[in-house]
């Protein structure tokens, strides 16, 4: 087997594995796991990103490259942390705006 053949086979394995993980997690979240409330958007993003990263990591590790998946993992963690922080900032700003709006409408709260 030539090197290019293995590269394509390992790529197909990684892509298929990511696809199966994404499909299974989607079905689990929608049909198999009873959830009292809807799963938060950032948790869905995280699950999807992890599924894709696993497929990518499998492809690269099958080609004896562990550094690239590790680097991508670190980038994903930093990026995810920034997105999570941005959601918290958005929530905080929205809370302040709601309080200001309530104060503007309610004469008893005005100073």
N, C-alpha and C. Protein backbone atom coordinates (compact mmCIF):
# COMPACT_ATOMS: atom_id res chain seq x y z
N UNK A 1 0.84 -1.18 0.00
CA UNK A 1 0.00 0.00 0.00
C UNK A 1 0.89 1.24 0.00
N UNK A 2 0.59 2.17 -0.88
CA UNK A 2 1.37 3.40 -0.96
C UNK A 2 0.96 4.36 0.16
N UNK A 3 1.83 5.31 0.43
CA UNK A 3 1.57 6.29 1.49
C UNK A 3 0.29 7.07 1.20
N UNK A 4 0.07 7.48 -0.03
CA UNK A 4 -1.13 8.24 -0.37
C UNK A 4 -2.39 7.43 -0.15
N UNK A 5 -2.32 6.13 -0.43
CA UNK A 5 -3.48 5.27 -0.19
C UNK A 5 -3.86 5.27 1.28
N UNK A 6 -2.87 5.11 2.16
CA UNK A 6 -3.14 5.11 3.60
C UNK A 6 -3.65 6.47 4.06
N UNK A 7 -3.14 7.54 3.49
CA UNK A 7 -3.58 8.88 3.84
C UNK A 7 -5.08 9.02 3.56
N UNK A 8 -5.52 8.54 2.41
CA UNK A 8 -6.94 8.63 2.05
C UNK A 8 -7.80 7.68 2.89
N UNK A 9 -7.29 6.50 3.15
CA UNK A 9 -8.03 5.55 3.97
C UNK A 9 -8.18 6.08 5.39
N UNK A 10 -7.10 6.60 5.95
CA UNK A 10 -7.17 7.12 7.32
C UNK A 10 -8.06 8.36 7.38
N UNK A 11 -8.04 9.17 6.32
CA UNK A 11 -8.94 10.33 6.26
C UNK A 11 -10.39 9.86 6.27
N UNK A 12 -10.70 8.83 5.48
CA UNK A 12 -12.06 8.31 5.43
C UNK A 12 -12.48 7.73 6.78
N UNK A 13 -11.56 7.07 7.47
CA UNK A 13 -11.86 6.52 8.79
C UNK A 13 -12.20 7.65 9.77
N UNK A 14 -11.37 8.69 9.79
CA UNK A 14 -11.62 9.83 10.67
C UNK A 14 -12.93 10.53 10.36
N UNK A 15 -13.20 10.74 9.07
CA UNK A 15 -14.45 11.41 8.67
C UNK A 15 -15.66 10.56 9.02
N UNK A 16 -15.58 9.26 8.76
CA UNK A 16 -16.70 8.37 9.08
C UNK A 16 -16.94 8.32 10.59
N UNK A 17 -15.86 8.28 11.36
CA UNK A 17 -15.99 8.23 12.81
C UNK A 17 -16.66 9.50 13.33
N UNK A 18 -16.24 10.67 12.80
CA UNK A 18 -16.86 11.94 13.20
C UNK A 18 -18.34 11.96 12.82
N UNK A 19 -18.66 11.47 11.63
CA UNK A 19 -20.05 11.45 11.19
C UNK A 19 -20.91 10.56 12.08
N UNK A 20 -20.40 9.40 12.44
CA UNK A 20 -21.14 8.48 13.32
C UNK A 20 -21.33 9.11 14.70
N UNK A 21 -20.28 9.73 15.23
CA UNK A 21 -20.41 10.39 16.54
C UNK A 21 -21.43 11.52 16.50
N UNK A 22 -21.39 12.34 15.45
CA UNK A 22 -22.35 13.45 15.33
C UNK A 22 -23.78 12.92 15.22
N UNK A 23 -23.98 11.90 14.39
CA UNK A 23 -25.32 11.33 14.24
C UNK A 23 -25.81 10.72 15.54
N UNK A 24 -24.96 9.97 16.22
CA UNK A 24 -25.35 9.34 17.48
C UNK A 24 -25.65 10.38 18.55
N UNK A 25 -24.83 11.42 18.65
CA UNK A 25 -25.08 12.44 19.67
C UNK A 25 -26.36 13.21 19.36
N UNK A 26 -26.63 13.45 18.08
CA UNK A 26 -27.86 14.14 17.70
C UNK A 26 -29.07 13.28 18.06
N UNK A 27 -29.01 12.00 17.71
CA UNK A 27 -30.13 11.11 18.04
C UNK A 27 -30.30 10.96 19.54
N UNK A 28 -29.18 10.87 20.25
CA UNK A 28 -29.26 10.73 21.71
C UNK A 28 -29.90 11.96 22.33
N UNK A 29 -29.50 13.14 21.86
CA UNK A 29 -30.04 14.38 22.43
C UNK A 29 -31.51 14.57 22.09
N UNK A 30 -31.92 14.09 20.93
CA UNK A 30 -33.30 14.31 20.48
C UNK A 30 -34.26 13.19 20.88
N UNK A 31 -33.79 11.95 20.92
CA UNK A 31 -34.72 10.85 21.03
C UNK A 31 -34.44 9.86 22.16
N UNK A 32 -33.20 9.66 22.52
CA UNK A 32 -32.87 8.57 23.42
C UNK A 32 -32.71 9.01 24.87
N UNK A 33 -32.24 10.21 25.09
CA UNK A 33 -31.97 10.67 26.45
C UNK A 33 -33.09 11.62 26.87
N UNK A 34 -33.87 11.22 27.87
CA UNK A 34 -34.93 12.13 28.31
C UNK A 34 -34.32 13.34 29.02
N UNK A 35 -34.67 14.50 28.55
CA UNK A 35 -34.13 15.73 29.14
C UNK A 35 -35.29 16.62 29.55
N UNK A 36 -35.30 17.08 30.79
CA UNK A 36 -36.40 17.93 31.24
C UNK A 36 -36.41 19.29 30.54
N UNK A 37 -35.27 19.71 30.07
CA UNK A 37 -35.18 20.99 29.37
C UNK A 37 -34.24 20.86 28.19
N UNK A 38 -34.30 21.82 27.34
CA UNK A 38 -33.48 21.81 26.14
C UNK A 38 -32.00 22.03 26.48
N UNK A 39 -31.12 21.37 25.76
CA UNK A 39 -29.68 21.51 26.00
C UNK A 39 -29.23 22.88 25.51
N UNK A 40 -28.47 23.58 26.34
CA UNK A 40 -28.03 24.94 26.02
C UNK A 40 -27.18 24.95 24.75
N UNK A 41 -27.26 26.05 24.03
CA UNK A 41 -26.58 26.19 22.75
C UNK A 41 -25.08 25.95 22.86
N UNK A 42 -24.43 26.51 23.87
CA UNK A 42 -22.97 26.33 23.98
C UNK A 42 -22.61 24.87 24.25
N UNK A 43 -23.46 24.14 24.96
CA UNK A 43 -23.20 22.72 25.18
C UNK A 43 -23.35 21.93 23.88
N UNK A 44 -24.31 22.33 23.04
CA UNK A 44 -24.45 21.67 21.74
C UNK A 44 -23.24 21.98 20.86
N UNK A 45 -22.77 23.23 20.87
CA UNK A 45 -21.55 23.58 20.12
C UNK A 45 -20.37 22.75 20.60
N UNK A 46 -20.24 22.63 21.91
CA UNK A 46 -19.12 21.87 22.49
C UNK A 46 -19.17 20.42 22.04
N UNK A 47 -20.35 19.81 22.11
CA UNK A 47 -20.48 18.40 21.72
C UNK A 47 -20.13 18.22 20.24
N UNK A 48 -20.61 19.10 19.39
CA UNK A 48 -20.30 19.01 17.96
C UNK A 48 -18.83 19.20 17.68
N UNK A 49 -18.22 20.16 18.35
CA UNK A 49 -16.79 20.41 18.16
C UNK A 49 -15.97 19.23 18.62
N UNK A 50 -16.34 18.63 19.74
CA UNK A 50 -15.61 17.45 20.24
C UNK A 50 -15.73 16.30 19.25
N UNK A 51 -16.92 16.07 18.70
CA UNK A 51 -17.09 15.00 17.71
C UNK A 51 -16.20 15.22 16.50
N UNK A 52 -16.17 16.45 16.00
CA UNK A 52 -15.32 16.76 14.85
C UNK A 52 -13.84 16.62 15.20
N UNK A 53 -13.47 17.09 16.40
CA UNK A 53 -12.07 17.00 16.80
C UNK A 53 -11.64 15.53 16.92
N UNK A 54 -12.50 14.69 17.45
CA UNK A 54 -12.16 13.27 17.58
C UNK A 54 -11.89 12.65 16.21
N UNK A 55 -12.74 12.95 15.24
CA UNK A 55 -12.51 12.44 13.88
C UNK A 55 -11.21 12.94 13.30
N UNK A 56 -10.92 14.23 13.49
CA UNK A 56 -9.67 14.81 13.01
C UNK A 56 -8.47 14.17 13.71
N UNK A 57 -8.58 14.05 15.04
CA UNK A 57 -7.48 13.47 15.82
C UNK A 57 -7.22 12.02 15.40
N UNK A 58 -8.27 11.27 15.16
CA UNK A 58 -8.10 9.89 14.72
C UNK A 58 -7.34 9.84 13.39
N UNK A 59 -7.73 10.68 12.46
CA UNK A 59 -7.05 10.74 11.16
C UNK A 59 -5.57 11.04 11.32
N UNK A 60 -5.25 12.07 12.14
CA UNK A 60 -3.85 12.47 12.29
C UNK A 60 -3.06 11.43 13.08
N UNK A 61 -3.65 10.85 14.11
CA UNK A 61 -2.94 9.86 14.92
C UNK A 61 -2.66 8.60 14.11
N UNK A 62 -3.60 8.22 13.24
CA UNK A 62 -3.35 7.08 12.36
C UNK A 62 -2.18 7.34 11.42
N UNK A 63 -1.83 8.60 11.24
CA UNK A 63 -0.68 8.97 10.41
C UNK A 63 0.51 9.39 11.27
N UNK A 64 0.53 8.93 12.51
CA UNK A 64 1.66 9.13 13.43
C UNK A 64 1.92 10.60 13.74
N UNK A 65 0.86 11.38 13.82
CA UNK A 65 0.97 12.81 14.14
C UNK A 65 0.07 13.09 15.32
N UNK A 66 0.64 13.23 16.51
CA UNK A 66 -0.14 13.52 17.70
C UNK A 66 -0.08 15.00 18.04
N UNK A 67 0.90 15.72 17.49
CA UNK A 67 1.06 17.13 17.84
C UNK A 67 -0.03 18.01 17.24
N UNK A 68 -0.43 17.73 16.01
CA UNK A 68 -1.46 18.54 15.38
C UNK A 68 -2.80 18.42 16.10
N UNK A 69 -3.28 17.21 16.45
CA UNK A 69 -4.53 17.13 17.23
C UNK A 69 -4.43 17.82 18.58
N UNK A 70 -3.26 17.71 19.21
CA UNK A 70 -3.07 18.39 20.49
C UNK A 70 -3.16 19.90 20.32
N UNK A 71 -2.51 20.42 19.29
CA UNK A 71 -2.58 21.86 19.02
C UNK A 71 -4.00 22.31 18.73
N UNK A 72 -4.72 21.52 17.92
CA UNK A 72 -6.10 21.87 17.61
C UNK A 72 -6.97 21.80 18.86
N UNK A 73 -6.72 20.83 19.73
CA UNK A 73 -7.47 20.73 20.98
C UNK A 73 -7.28 21.99 21.83
N UNK A 74 -6.03 22.43 21.94
CA UNK A 74 -5.76 23.63 22.73
C UNK A 74 -6.44 24.85 22.13
N UNK A 75 -6.41 24.96 20.81
CA UNK A 75 -7.08 26.08 20.13
C UNK A 75 -8.59 26.01 20.37
N UNK A 76 -9.17 24.83 20.29
CA UNK A 76 -10.61 24.66 20.53
C UNK A 76 -10.98 25.03 21.97
N UNK A 77 -10.15 24.64 22.92
CA UNK A 77 -10.43 24.97 24.32
C UNK A 77 -10.39 26.47 24.54
N UNK A 78 -9.36 27.13 24.02
CA UNK A 78 -9.26 28.59 24.18
C UNK A 78 -10.43 29.29 23.48
N UNK A 79 -10.73 28.85 22.25
CA UNK A 79 -11.85 29.45 21.53
C UNK A 79 -13.17 29.24 22.24
N UNK A 80 -13.39 28.03 22.74
CA UNK A 80 -14.62 27.75 23.47
C UNK A 80 -14.73 28.56 24.75
N UNK A 81 -13.63 28.74 25.44
CA UNK A 81 -13.63 29.55 26.67
C UNK A 81 -13.99 31.00 26.36
N UNK A 82 -13.47 31.52 25.26
CA UNK A 82 -13.78 32.90 24.87
C UNK A 82 -15.26 33.04 24.52
N UNK A 83 -15.81 32.07 23.79
CA UNK A 83 -17.23 32.11 23.44
C UNK A 83 -18.08 32.05 24.71
N UNK A 84 -17.73 31.15 25.63
CA UNK A 84 -18.47 31.04 26.89
C UNK A 84 -18.40 32.35 27.67
N UNK A 85 -17.22 32.96 27.73
CA UNK A 85 -17.07 34.24 28.41
C UNK A 85 -17.92 35.32 27.73
N UNK A 86 -17.94 35.32 26.41
CA UNK A 86 -18.75 36.31 25.68
C UNK A 86 -20.24 36.15 25.99
N UNK A 87 -20.71 34.91 26.11
CA UNK A 87 -22.11 34.68 26.49
C UNK A 87 -22.38 35.23 27.89
N UNK A 88 -21.44 35.05 28.81
CA UNK A 88 -21.62 35.59 30.16
C UNK A 88 -21.65 37.11 30.15
N UNK A 89 -20.78 37.73 29.35
CA UNK A 89 -20.77 39.19 29.23
C UNK A 89 -22.09 39.67 28.63
N UNK A 90 -22.58 38.99 27.59
CA UNK A 90 -23.87 39.35 26.99
C UNK A 90 -24.99 39.29 28.01
N UNK A 91 -24.99 38.23 28.81
CA UNK A 91 -26.02 38.07 29.84
C UNK A 91 -25.92 39.19 30.87
N UNK A 92 -24.72 39.52 31.27
CA UNK A 92 -24.50 40.58 32.26
C UNK A 92 -24.97 41.93 31.72
N UNK A 93 -24.61 42.26 30.48
CA UNK A 93 -25.02 43.52 29.86
C UNK A 93 -26.54 43.57 29.72
N UNK A 94 -27.15 42.46 29.30
CA UNK A 94 -28.60 42.41 29.17
C UNK A 94 -29.28 42.61 30.51
N UNK A 95 -28.73 42.04 31.57
CA UNK A 95 -29.29 42.22 32.91
C UNK A 95 -29.24 43.68 33.34
N UNK A 96 -28.13 44.34 33.05
CA UNK A 96 -28.00 45.76 33.39
C UNK A 96 -29.01 46.58 32.60
N UNK A 97 -29.16 46.30 31.32
CA UNK A 97 -30.12 47.05 30.50
C UNK A 97 -31.55 46.84 30.98
N UNK A 98 -31.88 45.62 31.38
CA UNK A 98 -33.22 45.35 31.90
C UNK A 98 -33.46 46.14 33.19
N UNK A 99 -32.46 46.16 34.05
CA UNK A 99 -32.60 46.91 35.31
C UNK A 99 -32.76 48.40 35.03
N UNK A 100 -31.97 48.94 34.11
CA UNK A 100 -32.09 50.35 33.76
C UNK A 100 -33.45 50.66 33.17
N UNK A 101 -33.97 49.76 32.34
CA UNK A 101 -35.28 49.96 31.74
C UNK A 101 -36.37 49.94 32.81
N UNK A 102 -36.25 49.00 33.75
CA UNK A 102 -37.23 48.92 34.84
C UNK A 102 -37.19 50.18 35.69
N UNK A 103 -36.00 50.70 35.96
CA UNK A 103 -35.87 51.92 36.74
C UNK A 103 -36.46 53.12 36.01
N UNK A 104 -36.29 53.17 34.70
CA UNK A 104 -36.80 54.30 33.92
C UNK A 104 -38.32 54.31 33.89
N UNK A 105 -38.96 53.17 33.98
CA UNK A 105 -40.41 53.07 33.90
C UNK A 105 -41.06 53.22 35.28
N UNK A 106 -40.38 52.75 36.30
CA UNK A 106 -40.94 52.74 37.66
C UNK A 106 -40.54 53.98 38.42
N UNK A 107 -41.50 54.85 38.73
CA UNK A 107 -41.22 56.10 39.45
C UNK A 107 -40.65 55.86 40.83
N UNK A 108 -41.02 54.74 41.49
CA UNK A 108 -40.52 54.47 42.83
C UNK A 108 -39.04 54.12 42.83
N UNK A 109 -38.50 53.63 41.71
CA UNK A 109 -37.10 53.25 41.65
C UNK A 109 -36.20 54.40 41.25
N UNK A 110 -36.77 55.47 40.70
CA UNK A 110 -35.95 56.61 40.25
C UNK A 110 -35.46 57.40 41.44
N UNK A 111 -34.26 57.94 41.30
CA UNK A 111 -33.67 58.72 42.41
C UNK A 111 -33.89 60.19 42.20
